Amino acid sequence: MKCYSSLKSKKVRDLNCKIVRRKGRVYVINKKNPKMKARQG
């Protein structure tokens, strides 16, 4: 999983990407394509 300072551009890579907040961190998750996972901070 990659870390990024901003996830806005990562969300638009795929239609199935969702932004989720867990434990104070922001994640991009994608059930169809798990390669798209990303984390902020």
PDB file of N, CA and C in Angstrom:
ATOM      1  N   MET A   1       0.837  -1.181   0.000  1.00  0.00           N
ATOM      2  CA  MET A   1       0.000   0.000   0.000  1.00  0.00           C
ATOM      3  C   MET A   1       0.885   1.250   0.000  1.00  0.00           C
ATOM      4  N   LYS A   2       0.577   2.182  -0.875  1.00  0.00           N
ATOM      5  CA  LYS A   2       1.373   3.401  -0.996  1.00  0.00           C
ATOM      6  C   LYS A   2       0.827   4.483  -0.076  1.00  0.00           C
ATOM      7  N   CYS A   3       1.733   5.337   0.396  1.00  0.00           N
ATOM      8  CA  CYS A   3       1.338   6.491   1.201  1.00  0.00           C
ATOM      9  C   CYS A   3       1.424   7.742   0.344  1.00  0.00           C
ATOM     10  N   TYR A   4       0.402   8.574   0.430  1.00  0.00           N
ATOM     11  CA  TYR A   4       0.371   9.812  -0.332  1.00  0.00           C
ATOM     12  C   TYR A   4      -0.013  10.963   0.577  1.00  0.00           C
ATOM     13  N   SER A   5       0.412  12.171   0.200  1.00  0.00           N
ATOM     14  CA  SER A   5       0.028  13.338   0.992  1.00  0.00           C
ATOM     15  C   SER A   5      -1.361  13.815   0.604  1.00  0.00           C
ATOM     16  N   SER A   6      -1.800  13.489  -0.613  1.00  0.00           N
ATOM     17  CA  SER A   6      -3.149  13.856  -1.034  1.00  0.00           C
ATOM     18  C   SER A   6      -3.751  12.699  -1.820  1.00  0.00           C
ATOM     19  N   LEU A   7      -5.017  12.385  -1.528  1.00  0.00           N
ATOM     20  CA  LEU A   7      -5.647  11.233  -2.175  1.00  0.00           C
ATOM     21  C   LEU A   7      -6.687  11.632  -3.214  1.00  0.00           C
ATOM     22  N   LYS A   8      -6.872  12.927  -3.420  1.00  0.00           N
ATOM     23  CA  LYS A   8      -7.924  13.368  -4.339  1.00  0.00           C
ATOM     24  C   LYS A   8      -7.703  12.813  -5.744  1.00  0.00           C
ATOM     25  N   SER A   9      -6.458  12.851  -6.215  1.00  0.00           N
ATOM     26  CA  SER A   9      -6.169  12.350  -7.560  1.00  0.00           C
ATOM     27  C   SER A   9      -6.245  10.834  -7.625  1.00  0.00           C
ATOM     28  N   LYS A  10      -6.010  10.172  -6.478  1.00  0.00           N
ATOM     29  CA  LYS A  10      -6.028   8.710  -6.473  1.00  0.00           C
ATOM     30  C   LYS A  10      -7.450   8.171  -6.568  1.00  0.00           C
ATOM     31  N   LYS A  11      -8.412   8.941  -6.094  1.00  0.00           N
ATOM     32  CA  LYS A  11      -9.789   8.471  -6.094  1.00  0.00           C
ATOM     33  C   LYS A  11     -10.334   8.364  -7.514  1.00  0.00           C
ATOM     34  N   VAL A  12      -9.877   9.241  -8.404  1.00  0.00           N
ATOM     35  CA  VAL A  12     -10.452   9.280  -9.751  1.00  0.00           C
ATOM     36  C   VAL A  12      -9.811   8.272 -10.700  1.00  0.00           C
ATOM     37  N   ARG A  13      -8.890   7.437 -10.202  1.00  0.00           N
ATOM     38  CA  ARG A  13      -8.247   6.447 -11.075  1.00  0.00           C
ATOM     39  C   ARG A  13      -9.222   5.369 -11.527  1.00  0.00           C
ATOM     40  N   ASP A  14     -10.245   5.112 -10.714  1.00  0.00           N
ATOM     41  CA  ASP A  14     -11.145   4.005 -11.000  1.00  0.00           C
ATOM     42  C   ASP A  14     -12.525   4.344 -10.448  1.00  0.00           C
ATOM     43  N   LEU A  15     -13.568   3.850 -11.098  1.00  0.00           N
ATOM     44  CA  LEU A  15     -14.929   4.132 -10.635  1.00  0.00           C
ATOM     45  C   LEU A  15     -15.238   3.443  -9.312  1.00  0.00           C
ATOM     46  N   ASN A  16     -14.543   2.340  -9.027  1.00  0.00           N
ATOM     47  CA  ASN A  16     -14.842   1.568  -7.818  1.00  0.00           C
ATOM     48  C   ASN A  16     -14.077   2.047  -6.594  1.00  0.00           C
ATOM     49  N   CYS A  17     -13.240   3.062  -6.755  1.00  0.00           N
ATOM     50  CA  CYS A  17     -12.457   3.563  -5.632  1.00  0.00           C
ATOM     51  C   CYS A  17     -13.343   4.318  -4.653  1.00  0.00           C
ATOM     52  N   LYS A  18     -13.143   4.044  -3.360  1.00  0.00           N
ATOM     53  CA  LYS A  18     -13.880   4.757  -2.315  1.00  0.00           C
ATOM     54  C   LYS A  18     -12.894   5.289  -1.300  1.00  0.00           C
ATOM     55  N   ILE A  19     -13.204   6.463  -0.756  1.00  0.00           N
ATOM     56  CA  ILE A  19     -12.375   7.042   0.294  1.00  0.00           C
ATOM     57  C   ILE A  19     -13.011   6.724   1.636  1.00  0.00           C
ATOM     58  N   VAL A  20     -12.215   6.164   2.549  1.00  0.00           N
ATOM     59  CA  VAL A  20     -12.712   5.707   3.851  1.00  0.00           C
ATOM     60  C   VAL A  20     -11.799   6.251   4.936  1.00  0.00           C
ATOM     61  N   ARG A  21     -12.380   6.643   6.079  1.00  0.00           N
ATOM     62  CA  ARG A  21     -11.578   7.071   7.226  1.00  0.00           C
ATOM     63  C   ARG A  21     -11.574   5.970   8.261  1.00  0.00           C
ATOM     64  N   ARG A  22     -10.378   5.543   8.646  1.00  0.00           N
ATOM     65  CA  ARG A  22     -10.244   4.516   9.692  1.00  0.00           C
ATOM     66  C   ARG A  22      -9.124   4.921  10.629  1.00  0.00           C
ATOM     67  N   LYS A  23      -9.446   4.958  11.917  1.00  0.00           N
ATOM     68  CA  LYS A  23      -8.442   5.227  12.958  1.00  0.00           C
ATOM     69  C   LYS A  23      -7.651   6.500  12.667  1.00  0.00           C
ATOM     70  N   GLY A  24      -8.347   7.529  12.214  1.00  0.00           N
ATOM     71  CA  GLY A  24      -7.688   8.816  11.985  1.00  0.00           C
ATOM     72  C   GLY A  24      -6.902   8.896  10.704  1.00  0.00           C
ATOM     73  N   ARG A  25      -6.890   7.845   9.908  1.00  0.00           N
ATOM     74  CA  ARG A  25      -6.188   7.865   8.633  1.00  0.00           C
ATOM     75  C   ARG A  25      -7.189   7.779   7.500  1.00  0.00           C
ATOM     76  N   VAL A  26      -6.815   8.305   6.359  1.00  0.00           N
ATOM     77  CA  VAL A  26      -7.685   8.285   5.189  1.00  0.00           C
ATOM     78  C   VAL A  26      -7.153   7.237   4.211  1.00  0.00           C
ATOM     79  N   TYR A  27      -8.047   6.361   3.763  1.00  0.00           N
ATOM     80  CA  TYR A  27      -7.655   5.287   2.857  1.00  0.00           C
ATOM     81  C   TYR A  27      -8.472   5.353   1.569  1.00  0.00           C
ATOM     82  N   VAL A  28      -7.865   4.900   0.478  1.00  0.00           N
ATOM     83  CA  VAL A  28      -8.608   4.617  -0.749  1.00  0.00           C
ATOM     84  C   VAL A  28      -8.661   3.108  -0.866  1.00  0.00           C
ATOM     85  N   ILE A  29      -9.874   2.561  -0.955  1.00  0.00           N
ATOM     86  CA  ILE A  29     -10.007   1.118  -1.112  1.00  0.00           C
ATOM     87  C   ILE A  29     -10.773   0.825  -2.390  1.00  0.00           C
ATOM     88  N   ASN A  30     -10.475  -0.333  -2.962  1.00  0.00           N
ATOM     89  CA  ASN A  30     -11.125  -0.738  -4.195  1.00  0.00           C
ATOM     90  C   ASN A  30     -11.288  -2.253  -4.152  1.00  0.00           C
ATOM     91  N   LYS A  31     -12.524  -2.702  -4.062  1.00  0.00           N
ATOM     92  CA  LYS A  31     -12.781  -4.136  -3.958  1.00  0.00           C
ATOM     93  C   LYS A  31     -12.454  -4.871  -5.260  1.00  0.00           C
ATOM     94  N   LYS A  32     -12.738  -4.224  -6.402  1.00  0.00           N
ATOM     95  CA  LYS A  32     -12.541  -4.890  -7.691  1.00  0.00           C
ATOM     96  C   LYS A  32     -11.074  -4.973  -8.069  1.00  0.00           C
ATOM     97  N   ASN A  33     -10.299  -3.941  -7.712  1.00  0.00           N
ATOM     98  CA  ASN A  33      -8.886  -3.903  -8.073  1.00  0.00           C
ATOM     99  C   ASN A  33      -8.061  -3.523  -6.846  1.00  0.00           C
ATOM    100  N   PRO A  34      -7.651  -4.507  -6.048  1.00  0.00           N
ATOM    101  CA  PRO A  34      -6.954  -4.236  -4.786  1.00  0.00           C
ATOM    102  C   PRO A  34      -5.624  -3.508  -4.959  1.00  0.00           C
ATOM    103  N   LYS A  35      -5.083  -3.463  -6.185  1.00  0.00           N
ATOM    104  CA  LYS A  35      -3.843  -2.730  -6.433  1.00  0.00           C
ATOM    105  C   LYS A  35      -4.001  -1.235  -6.184  1.00  0.00           C
ATOM    106  N   MET A  36      -5.230  -0.742  -6.218  1.00  0.00           N
ATOM    107  CA  MET A  36      -5.489   0.686  -6.116  1.00  0.00           C
ATOM    108  C   MET A  36      -5.476   1.193  -4.682  1.00  0.00           C
ATOM    109  N   LYS A  37      -5.166   0.319  -3.712  1.00  0.00           N
ATOM    110  CA  LYS A  37      -5.191   0.739  -2.323  1.00  0.00           C
ATOM    111  C   LYS A  37      -4.158   1.841  -2.067  1.00  0.00           C
ATOM    112  N   ALA A  38      -4.546   2.835  -1.264  1.00  0.00           N
ATOM    113  CA  ALA A  38      -3.617   3.907  -0.916  1.00  0.00           C
ATOM    114  C   ALA A  38      -3.984   4.428   0.465  1.00  0.00           C
ATOM    115  N   ARG A  39      -2.997   5.085   1.099  1.00  0.00           N
ATOM    116  CA  ARG A  39      -3.202   5.625   2.432  1.00  0.00           C
ATOM    117  C   ARG A  39      -2.624   7.029   2.482  1.00  0.00           C
ATOM    118  N   GLN A  40      -3.271   7.888   3.248  1.00  0.00           N
ATOM    119  CA  GLN A  40      -2.760   9.257   3.397  1.00  0.00           C
ATOM    120  C   GLN A  40      -2.110   9.432   4.751  1.00  0.00           C
ATOM    121  N   GLY A  41      -0.936  10.089   4.759  1.00  0.00           N
ATOM    122  CA  GLY A  41      -0.266  10.414   5.998  1.00  0.00           C
ATOM    123  C   GLY A  41       0.673   9.331   6.497  1.00  0.00           C
TER     124      GLY A  41
END
